[in-house]
C-alpha cells in the first residue's frame, strides 16, 4: 500500500513539472519494482507451519524476521529516494504526516537563513497615498514688476538670479507722460505752499481748497504712475521734471525673469521682472477625485527629491476637476529655507491624513505569493514549524501592509519568508490542499 501511495505522488509531482522526465522514469521504475517485490515476499512471510517442532518454529521465526528486515530495508530505501525526490534537505516531515502548507526546518536551516518572527498587533496608521508632483512658484509670495505708463528702459539695475529686498530699485525708466505729471506736480506743489503760507485769513476758502486739492491730486497721480515716496521727496527738492523714474521691487526674493533689453520701449502693462520668495515654495500634485476627497488643508505631506525628504503640509485641495486628465490638484507648501527646491523640478510626494486609525499591519517583507498567486504569510505554529496562510492585502501604508486573515498575537515571519516559500514549493505539495 505504501508503494501505491508513492506512485500516485510521483505522478502528481510530474504533472506539476517539478521532476525532469528522466528522473521521473527512474523513480517510477524503482517504486514499481519494490511494489512487485513486496507482493512476492508477503505470502512467504505469512506461511508458518503450526505443527512444526520448536527448532522449525525458531527457524521459521528467524526467516520471518529476516523477511521483515528486508521489507523494512526496501521501505527505507524507497523513503530515501522519495525524500531525495522532494528535496528534503531542510528537514521536512514524512509526506504521509505532512500538513498542507507546513514547512519544518532543522536547527541548522533556522540559523542559516535567520528566520525572524513578530507577533501581529494593531498599529496606529493614517491613510496616505504617494503621487508624483511638480515644484511651482508660491503665487502668494511672487510679484510682477511692470510699467504703469509707456516708457523706455534706460538702465537695468538687477538681473535674473539676483536676490533683491523690498523697496530696492530694479530698473530706470524714461517717460514723456511721467515728465508731464512731474511738471504738474511741481506747479501745484508751489501754489499750495504759497496759499497755505498766506492762510485762510488772506485767501478765500474756495481758493484754499482748490490749491490743496490740486496738489493732492498731482501727488496721487505720480504715486499711481510708479513713483515711491522717496522719489517724490527728491522731485520736490530739485524741482526738475525730467521724466526719469525708477521701478521698485514690491517684495524681497529672487529675480526669476527679466525678458527685456536696455533701450527697449515698453507699453503700459509690459512686464519687466518676475520676483518670488522661495523660502516657502509650492508642490502641486494631481490625484483622482476619490483620492483628493481623503485629504484637507492641514494634513501632513512629505516631498522626496533625489532621496532628500522635505517636510510640508497641504494648504489647498482644488474643487476643480481637469477636463483632460480628470484629476484634482492638491497644493503642498514646503519649507525651502536651504533653497534645495526650484520651480519645474519633479518630485515624489507622500500625503498623510491627520486622523489615525488602528489596523493590523505587517512589514512588506512578510508577504509572499502562494501557489494560487494570492498573498500569504508564514505563521510559526511551533518551534521551527511554519504554516503558510492566505491573507487579503487591504492597502499599503508606507513600509507597512494592512492585511486581514490572521489573528492578533500570531507569530508571523517578517524575515526569511521568501526562503520558506521556496522550501514549500520544492516540497511539491499544494499549500491549499487542493
Protein backbone atom coordinates (compact mmCIF):
# COMPACT_ATOMS: atom_id res chain seq x y z
CA UNK A 1 0.00 0.00 0.00
CA UNK A 2 2.91 2.32 0.75
CA UNK A 3 4.30 1.98 -2.77
CA UNK A 4 0.90 2.65 -4.34
CA UNK A 5 0.92 5.99 -2.44
CA UNK A 6 4.45 6.70 -3.63
CA UNK A 7 3.50 6.07 -7.28
CA UNK A 8 0.48 8.40 -7.00
CA UNK A 9 2.61 11.16 -5.55
CA UNK A 10 5.25 10.72 -8.27
CA UNK A 11 2.57 11.19 -10.92
CA UNK A 12 1.20 14.30 -9.16
CA UNK A 13 4.66 15.81 -8.86
CA UNK A 14 5.42 15.09 -12.55
CA UNK A 15 2.15 16.77 -13.57
CA UNK A 16 3.37 19.91 -11.77
CA UNK A 17 6.65 19.65 -13.76
CA UNK A 18 8.77 19.65 -10.63
CA UNK A 19 10.72 16.49 -11.80
CA UNK A 20 12.52 16.03 -15.09
CA UNK A 21 11.31 13.22 -17.35
CA UNK A 22 14.43 11.08 -16.84
CA UNK A 23 14.32 11.32 -13.06
CA UNK A 24 10.59 10.58 -13.05
CA UNK A 25 11.07 7.37 -15.10
CA UNK A 26 13.91 6.22 -12.81
CA UNK A 27 11.97 6.80 -9.58
CA UNK A 28 8.76 5.36 -11.04
CA UNK A 29 10.53 2.17 -12.13
CA UNK A 30 12.13 1.81 -8.73
CA UNK A 31 8.78 2.19 -6.98
CA UNK A 32 7.10 -0.39 -9.27
CA UNK A 33 9.96 -2.85 -8.65
CA UNK A 34 9.60 -2.52 -4.86
CA UNK A 35 5.85 -2.96 -5.20
CA UNK A 36 6.27 -6.25 -7.07
CA UNK A 37 8.91 -7.48 -4.65
CA UNK A 38 6.71 -6.77 -1.66
CA UNK A 39 3.79 -8.66 -3.25
CA UNK A 40 6.02 -11.73 -3.82
CA UNK A 41 7.59 -11.78 -0.36
CA UNK A 42 4.41 -11.08 1.57
CA UNK A 43 2.86 -14.60 1.21
CA UNK A 44 6.17 -16.17 2.19
CA UNK A 45 6.24 -14.22 5.37
CA UNK A 46 2.77 -15.42 6.33
CA UNK A 47 3.41 -19.20 5.78
CA UNK A 48 4.29 -20.76 9.11
CA UNK A 49 3.59 -24.42 9.98
CA UNK A 50 1.56 -24.77 13.16
CA UNK A 51 2.72 -28.39 13.66
CA UNK A 52 6.44 -27.74 13.18
CA UNK A 53 8.70 -28.54 16.07
CA UNK A 54 10.42 -25.91 18.20
CA UNK A 55 13.50 -25.88 16.02
CA UNK A 56 11.48 -25.42 12.88
CA UNK A 57 9.38 -22.71 14.55
CA UNK A 58 12.56 -20.89 15.58
CA UNK A 59 13.97 -21.24 12.08
CA UNK A 60 10.66 -20.02 10.60
CA UNK A 61 10.60 -17.21 13.11
CA UNK A 62 14.16 -16.21 12.12
CA UNK A 63 13.19 -16.38 8.49
CA UNK A 64 10.16 -14.18 9.18
CA UNK A 65 12.32 -11.64 10.98
CA UNK A 66 14.73 -11.72 8.08
CA UNK A 67 11.86 -11.11 5.67
CA UNK A 68 10.61 -8.19 7.76
CA UNK A 69 14.07 -6.70 7.87
CA UNK A 70 14.33 -6.99 4.10
CA UNK A 71 10.89 -5.50 3.72
CA UNK A 72 11.76 -2.62 6.05
CA UNK A 73 15.01 -2.10 4.18
CA UNK A 74 13.06 -1.82 0.94
CA UNK A 75 10.67 0.68 2.56
CA UNK A 76 13.52 2.72 3.97
CA UNK A 77 15.24 2.68 0.60
CA UNK A 78 12.04 3.88 -1.08
CA UNK A 79 11.58 6.58 1.54
CA UNK A 80 15.16 7.71 0.99
CA UNK A 81 14.54 8.13 -2.71
CA UNK A 82 11.19 9.78 -2.02
CA UNK A 83 12.97 12.29 0.26
CA UNK A 84 15.55 12.94 -2.46
CA UNK A 85 12.77 13.46 -4.97
CA UNK A 86 11.24 16.31 -2.99
CA UNK A 87 14.48 17.96 -1.81
CA UNK A 88 14.09 17.12 1.90
CA UNK A 89 17.45 18.58 2.95
CA UNK A 90 15.62 21.25 5.03
CA UNK A 91 14.31 18.58 7.40
CA UNK A 92 10.70 18.12 6.19
CA UNK A 93 8.48 15.59 7.91
CA UNK A 94 7.28 12.37 6.19
CA UNK A 95 4.77 13.05 3.39
CA UNK A 96 2.01 10.94 4.94
CA UNK A 97 2.17 13.09 8.07
CA UNK A 98 2.86 16.39 6.26
CA UNK A 99 0.18 19.04 6.83
CA UNK A 100 -0.66 21.13 3.73
CA UNK A 101 1.27 24.40 3.68
CA UNK A 102 3.60 23.37 6.53
CA UNK A 103 7.37 23.80 6.40
CA UNK A 104 9.62 22.19 9.03
CA UNK A 105 13.20 23.33 9.38
CA UNK A 106 16.08 21.74 11.19
CA UNK A 107 18.24 23.72 13.61
CA UNK A 108 20.92 24.49 11.03
CA UNK A 109 18.48 25.82 8.44
CA UNK A 110 16.77 28.01 11.04
CA UNK A 111 20.07 29.64 11.96
CA UNK A 112 21.42 29.80 8.41
CA UNK A 113 18.51 31.74 6.93
CA UNK A 114 17.92 33.91 10.02
CA UNK A 115 14.19 33.38 10.28
CA UNK A 116 12.70 36.19 12.39
CA UNK A 117 9.12 36.45 13.60
CA UNK A 118 6.97 39.16 15.11
CA UNK A 119 3.66 38.92 16.91
CA UNK A 120 0.87 40.59 14.97
CA UNK A 121 -0.74 43.60 16.62
CA UNK A 122 -2.84 46.64 15.83
CA UNK A 123 -0.70 49.56 14.69
CA UNK A 124 -1.51 53.24 14.62
CA UNK A 125 -1.51 54.35 10.99
CA UNK A 126 -3.09 57.04 8.86
CA UNK A 127 -4.43 56.88 5.35
CA UNK A 128 -1.80 58.02 2.88
CA UNK A 129 -1.01 57.98 -0.82
CA UNK A 130 2.10 58.52 -2.90
CA UNK A 131 1.88 60.58 -6.08
CA UNK A 132 4.23 62.49 -8.41
CA UNK A 133 4.28 66.26 -8.18
CA UNK A 134 5.91 69.37 -9.61
CA UNK A 135 7.56 72.26 -7.81
CA UNK A 136 5.93 75.60 -8.72
CA UNK A 137 6.27 79.21 -7.58
CA UNK A 138 4.44 80.26 -4.45
CA UNK A 139 1.94 82.65 -6.06
CA UNK A 140 1.29 84.32 -2.71
CA UNK A 141 4.97 85.26 -2.43
CA UNK A 142 5.52 86.21 -6.09
CA UNK A 143 5.25 89.65 -7.73
CA UNK A 144 5.47 91.02 -11.26
CA UNK A 145 7.22 94.35 -11.81
CA UNK A 146 5.51 96.03 -14.77
CA UNK A 147 5.18 99.55 -16.20
CA UNK A 148 2.04 101.56 -15.46
CA UNK A 149 2.73 104.01 -18.31
CA UNK A 150 4.53 103.82 -21.65
CA UNK A 151 8.25 104.24 -21.22
CA UNK A 152 11.76 103.37 -22.36
CA UNK A 153 14.22 101.29 -20.30
CA UNK A 154 17.24 103.49 -19.58
CA UNK A 155 19.16 101.14 -17.31
CA UNK A 156 18.84 97.62 -15.86
CA UNK A 157 19.70 97.63 -12.16
CA UNK A 158 19.29 93.88 -11.37
CA UNK A 159 19.40 90.71 -13.44
CA UNK A 160 17.96 87.19 -13.33
CA UNK A 161 19.07 85.19 -10.29
CA UNK A 162 19.80 88.24 -8.13
CA UNK A 163 18.36 88.46 -4.63
CA UNK A 164 16.54 91.72 -4.00
CA UNK A 165 14.96 93.31 -0.94
CA UNK A 166 11.63 95.06 -0.69
CA UNK A 167 11.86 98.65 -1.97
CA UNK A 168 15.04 98.10 -3.98
CA UNK A 169 15.30 99.87 -7.38
CA UNK A 170 15.38 97.30 -10.22
CA UNK A 171 15.25 99.44 -13.42
CA UNK A 172 15.43 103.08 -14.56
CA UNK A 173 12.70 104.29 -16.95
CA UNK A 174 12.17 107.44 -19.03
CA UNK A 175 8.61 108.52 -19.91
CA UNK A 176 7.09 111.64 -21.53
CA UNK A 177 3.89 111.14 -19.60
CA UNK A 178 5.85 110.97 -16.37
CA UNK A 179 7.55 114.29 -17.24
CA UNK A 180 4.14 115.95 -17.72
CA UNK A 181 2.93 114.57 -14.41
CA UNK A 182 6.07 115.73 -12.64
CA UNK A 183 5.71 119.25 -14.08
CA UNK A 184 2.07 119.47 -12.99
CA UNK A 185 3.03 118.36 -9.50
CA UNK A 186 5.78 120.98 -9.17
CA UNK A 187 3.36 123.78 -10.18
CA UNK A 188 0.56 122.57 -7.92
CA UNK A 189 3.00 122.00 -5.05
CA UNK A 190 4.38 125.55 -5.18
CA UNK A 191 0.87 127.04 -5.44
CA UNK A 192 -0.29 125.06 -2.45
CA UNK A 193 2.66 126.02 -0.28
CA UNK A 194 2.12 129.72 -1.15
CA UNK A 195 -1.62 129.63 -0.38
CA UNK A 196 -1.04 127.70 2.81
CA UNK A 197 1.54 130.27 3.92
CA UNK A 198 -0.92 133.16 3.35
CA UNK A 199 -3.56 131.36 5.32
CA UNK A 200 -7.36 131.42 5.25
CA UNK A 201 -7.46 134.97 6.59
CA UNK A 202 -5.87 136.36 3.39
CA UNK A 203 -7.19 134.00 0.65
CA UNK A 204 -10.74 132.87 0.17
CA UNK A 205 -11.84 129.49 1.37
CA UNK A 206 -12.58 128.34 -2.19
CA UNK A 207 -9.06 129.13 -3.41
CA UNK A 208 -7.55 127.47 -0.36
CA UNK A 209 -9.47 124.25 -1.03
CA UNK A 210 -8.72 124.29 -4.79
CA UNK A 211 -4.96 124.74 -4.24
CA UNK A 212 -4.84 121.95 -1.70
CA UNK A 213 -6.93 119.61 -3.86
CA UNK A 214 -4.79 120.22 -6.97
CA UNK A 215 -1.61 119.47 -5.02
CA UNK A 216 -3.05 116.25 -3.54
CA UNK A 217 -4.30 115.14 -6.98
CA UNK A 218 -0.91 115.71 -8.63
CA UNK A 219 0.84 113.81 -5.87
CA UNK A 220 -1.57 110.87 -6.12
CA UNK A 221 -1.07 110.78 -9.91
CA UNK A 222 2.71 110.43 -9.57
CA UNK A 223 2.37 107.67 -6.99
CA UNK A 224 -0.10 105.85 -9.25
CA UNK A 225 2.30 106.11 -12.20
CA UNK A 226 5.07 104.35 -10.28
CA UNK A 227 6.97 106.86 -8.12
CA UNK A 228 7.56 105.99 -4.49
CA UNK A 229 7.61 108.43 -1.61
CA UNK A 230 11.40 108.74 -1.67
CA UNK A 231 11.44 109.75 -5.37
CA UNK A 232 8.59 112.19 -4.74
CA UNK A 233 10.53 113.96 -2.00
CA UNK A 234 13.58 114.14 -4.29
CA UNK A 235 11.43 115.79 -7.00
CA UNK A 236 10.20 118.40 -4.51
CA UNK A 237 13.81 119.24 -3.60
CA UNK A 238 15.34 119.58 -7.08
CA UNK A 239 12.21 120.70 -8.96
CA UNK A 240 13.39 119.10 -12.23
CA UNK A 241 10.63 117.32 -14.20
CA UNK A 242 12.94 115.12 -16.36
CA UNK A 243 10.52 112.23 -16.78
CA UNK A 244 13.03 109.70 -15.35
CA UNK A 245 12.00 107.40 -12.53
CA UNK A 246 12.98 104.04 -11.02
CA UNK A 247 10.93 100.84 -10.85
CA UNK A 248 10.82 99.42 -7.30
CA UNK A 249 10.60 95.78 -6.16
CA UNK A 250 7.44 95.31 -4.07
CA UNK A 251 8.78 92.22 -2.24
CA UNK A 252 12.01 90.53 -1.19
CA UNK A 253 13.01 87.50 -3.24
CA UNK A 254 14.86 86.19 -6.29
CA UNK A 255 14.61 87.59 -9.82
CA UNK A 256 13.16 84.76 -11.94
CA UNK A 257 12.57 86.62 -15.19
CA UNK A 258 13.92 89.79 -16.86
CA UNK A 259 12.88 89.48 -20.51
CA UNK A 260 13.80 92.94 -21.82
CA UNK A 261 16.85 94.88 -23.03
CA UNK A 262 18.09 98.37 -22.27
CA UNK A 263 16.68 100.97 -24.65
CA UNK A 264 13.53 98.93 -25.28
CA UNK A 265 10.28 100.88 -25.40
CA UNK A 266 7.65 99.12 -23.31
CA UNK A 267 3.96 99.92 -23.28
CA UNK A 268 1.88 100.27 -20.14
CA UNK A 269 1.33 96.85 -18.55
CA UNK A 270 4.53 95.43 -20.04
CA UNK A 271 6.37 93.02 -17.73
CA UNK A 272 9.93 93.75 -16.65
CA UNK A 273 10.63 91.27 -13.84
CA UNK A 274 9.14 88.29 -12.00
CA UNK A 275 10.34 88.19 -8.40
CA UNK A 276 9.49 85.40 -5.95
CA UNK A 277 10.31 84.46 -2.38
CA UNK A 278 11.43 80.79 -2.40
CA UNK A 279 11.63 80.37 1.37
CA UNK A 280 8.23 78.65 1.22
CA UNK A 281 7.56 77.02 -2.12
CA UNK A 282 4.67 75.01 -3.53
CA UNK A 283 4.40 71.46 -4.83
CA UNK A 284 1.31 70.65 -6.90
CA UNK A 285 0.11 67.04 -7.04
CA UNK A 286 -2.59 65.72 -9.39
CA UNK A 287 -4.70 62.89 -7.95
CA UNK A 288 -8.02 61.25 -8.69
CA UNK A 289 -11.16 62.82 -7.18
CA UNK A 290 -11.60 59.81 -4.87
CA UNK A 291 -8.07 60.29 -3.52
CA UNK A 292 -8.47 64.06 -3.23
CA UNK A 293 -11.54 63.55 -1.04
CA UNK A 294 -9.37 61.85 1.60
CA UNK A 295 -7.38 65.00 2.38
CA UNK A 296 -7.95 68.54 3.58
CA UNK A 297 -5.91 71.63 4.41
CA UNK A 298 -3.54 70.99 7.30
CA UNK A 299 -2.79 67.33 6.53
CA UNK A 300 0.86 66.27 6.57
CA UNK A 301 2.94 65.85 3.42
CA UNK A 302 6.47 64.70 2.60
CA UNK A 303 8.29 65.64 -0.61
CA UNK A 304 11.13 63.46 -1.89
CA UNK A 305 13.59 64.98 -4.34
CA UNK A 306 16.67 62.92 -5.25
CA UNK A 307 16.37 60.97 -1.99
CA UNK A 308 16.15 64.09 0.19
CA UNK A 309 12.96 64.40 2.24
CA UNK A 310 11.31 67.81 2.78
CA UNK A 311 8.50 68.24 5.27
CA UNK A 312 5.40 70.17 4.25
CA UNK A 313 1.67 70.47 4.69
CA UNK A 314 -1.37 70.54 2.46
CA UNK A 315 -2.69 74.10 2.15
CA UNK A 316 -5.34 73.68 -0.56
CA UNK A 317 -7.37 70.98 -2.29
CA UNK A 318 -8.80 72.18 -5.60
CA UNK A 319 -12.52 71.70 -6.24
CA UNK A 320 -11.93 71.81 -10.00
CA UNK A 321 -11.58 68.53 -11.90
CA UNK A 322 -9.39 68.81 -15.03
CA UNK A 323 -11.33 68.17 -18.23
CA UNK A 324 -8.32 66.48 -19.88
CA UNK A 325 -6.78 64.41 -17.06
CA UNK A 326 -9.88 64.06 -14.82
CA UNK A 327 -7.73 64.79 -11.79
CA UNK A 328 -7.78 67.32 -8.95
CA UNK A 329 -4.83 69.36 -7.73
CA UNK A 330 -3.55 69.25 -4.18
CA UNK A 331 -1.21 72.08 -3.24
CA UNK A 332 1.57 71.48 -0.71
CA UNK A 333 3.59 74.21 0.98
CA UNK A 334 7.18 73.19 1.72
CA UNK A 335 9.77 74.97 3.86
CA UNK A 336 12.63 75.72 1.45
CA UNK A 337 14.99 77.89 3.50
CA UNK A 338 18.00 75.89 2.24
CA UNK A 339 17.00 76.68 -1.36
CA UNK A 340 17.00 72.99 -2.41
CA UNK A 341 13.77 73.06 -4.41
CA UNK A 342 13.17 75.15 -7.52
CA UNK A 343 10.18 75.59 -9.85
CA UNK A 344 10.00 72.99 -12.62
CA UNK A 345 11.52 70.11 -10.64
CA UNK A 346 9.62 66.81 -10.50
CA UNK A 347 9.29 65.19 -7.09
CA UNK A 348 7.56 62.31 -5.36
CA UNK A 349 5.12 63.28 -2.62
CA UNK A 350 3.53 61.32 0.20
CA UNK A 351 0.26 62.68 1.57
CA UNK A 352 -0.88 61.65 5.06
CA UNK A 353 -4.11 62.25 6.88
CA UNK A 354 -4.01 63.88 10.30
CA UNK A 355 -6.53 61.37 11.62
CA UNK A 356 -5.12 57.95 12.57
CA UNK A 357 -6.69 54.52 12.98
CA UNK A 358 -5.78 51.12 14.44
CA UNK A 359 -5.14 48.46 11.79
CA UNK A 360 -3.47 45.04 11.64
CA UNK A 361 -0.31 45.61 9.60
CA UNK A 362 2.93 43.74 8.87
CA UNK A 363 6.17 44.73 7.12
CA UNK A 364 6.27 44.28 3.35
CA UNK A 365 8.93 41.57 3.76
CA UNK A 366 6.37 39.30 5.46
CA UNK A 367 4.21 38.91 2.33
CA UNK A 368 4.80 36.15 -0.22
CA UNK A 369 2.85 34.78 -3.16
CA UNK A 370 1.05 31.47 -2.67
CA UNK A 371 0.76 28.71 -5.28
CA UNK A 372 -2.53 30.25 -6.40
CA UNK A 373 -0.94 33.67 -6.87
CA UNK A 374 -2.65 35.13 -3.79
CA UNK A 375 -0.90 36.93 -0.94
CA UNK A 376 0.17 34.88 2.06
CA UNK A 377 2.25 34.93 5.23
CA UNK A 378 4.04 32.26 7.24
CA UNK A 379 2.94 31.73 10.85
CA UNK A 380 5.11 29.86 13.35
CA UNK A 381 2.86 27.13 14.80
CA UNK A 382 5.65 25.67 16.96
CA UNK A 383 9.43 25.97 17.07
CA UNK A 384 10.84 25.62 13.51
CA UNK A 385 7.39 24.69 12.12
CA UNK A 386 5.85 27.32 9.84
CA UNK A 387 2.46 27.23 8.15
CA UNK A 388 1.51 29.36 5.16
CA UNK A 389 -1.79 31.24 5.45
CA UNK A 390 -3.58 33.17 2.75
CA UNK A 391 -4.27 36.81 3.62
CA UNK A 392 -6.03 39.73 1.97
CA UNK A 393 -3.95 42.81 1.23
CA UNK A 394 -6.16 45.80 2.01
CA UNK A 395 -3.70 48.60 1.23
CA UNK A 396 -0.12 49.74 1.52
CA UNK A 397 0.74 52.27 4.23
CA UNK A 398 4.31 53.37 3.59
CA UNK A 399 6.51 50.44 4.63
CA UNK A 400 3.59 48.59 6.23
CA UNK A 401 0.98 46.39 4.58
CA UNK A 402 -2.54 46.43 6.06
CA UNK A 403 -3.88 42.85 5.89
CA UNK A 404 -6.65 40.59 7.12
CA UNK A 405 -6.69 36.81 7.53
CA UNK A 406 -4.52 36.31 10.62
CA UNK A 407 -5.33 36.70 14.28
CA UNK A 408 -3.81 39.27 16.59
CA UNK A 409 -0.92 37.78 18.57
CA UNK A 410 0.16 35.19 15.98
CA UNK A 411 3.89 34.92 15.26
CA UNK A 412 4.33 36.00 11.64
CA UNK A 413 7.64 35.58 9.81
CA UNK A 414 8.95 39.05 8.90
CA UNK A 415 12.42 37.93 7.73
CA UNK A 416 13.11 34.78 5.73
CA UNK A 417 9.58 34.34 4.34
CA UNK A 418 10.96 34.05 0.81
CA UNK A 419 13.16 31.11 1.82
CA UNK A 420 10.21 29.34 3.45
CA UNK A 421 8.15 29.90 0.31
CA UNK A 422 10.93 28.33 -1.78
CA UNK A 423 11.12 25.33 0.53
CA UNK A 424 7.37 24.87 0.31
CA UNK A 425 7.50 24.99 -3.48
CA UNK A 426 10.30 22.40 -3.56
CA UNK A 427 8.25 20.00 -1.45
CA UNK A 428 5.77 19.59 -4.31
CA UNK A 429 2.73 19.91 -2.08
CA UNK A 430 -0.16 22.24 -2.79
CA UNK A 431 -0.22 24.53 0.25
CA UNK A 432 -4.01 24.77 -0.01
CA UNK A 433 -4.62 21.07 -0.14
CA UNK A 434 -6.49 21.39 -3.47
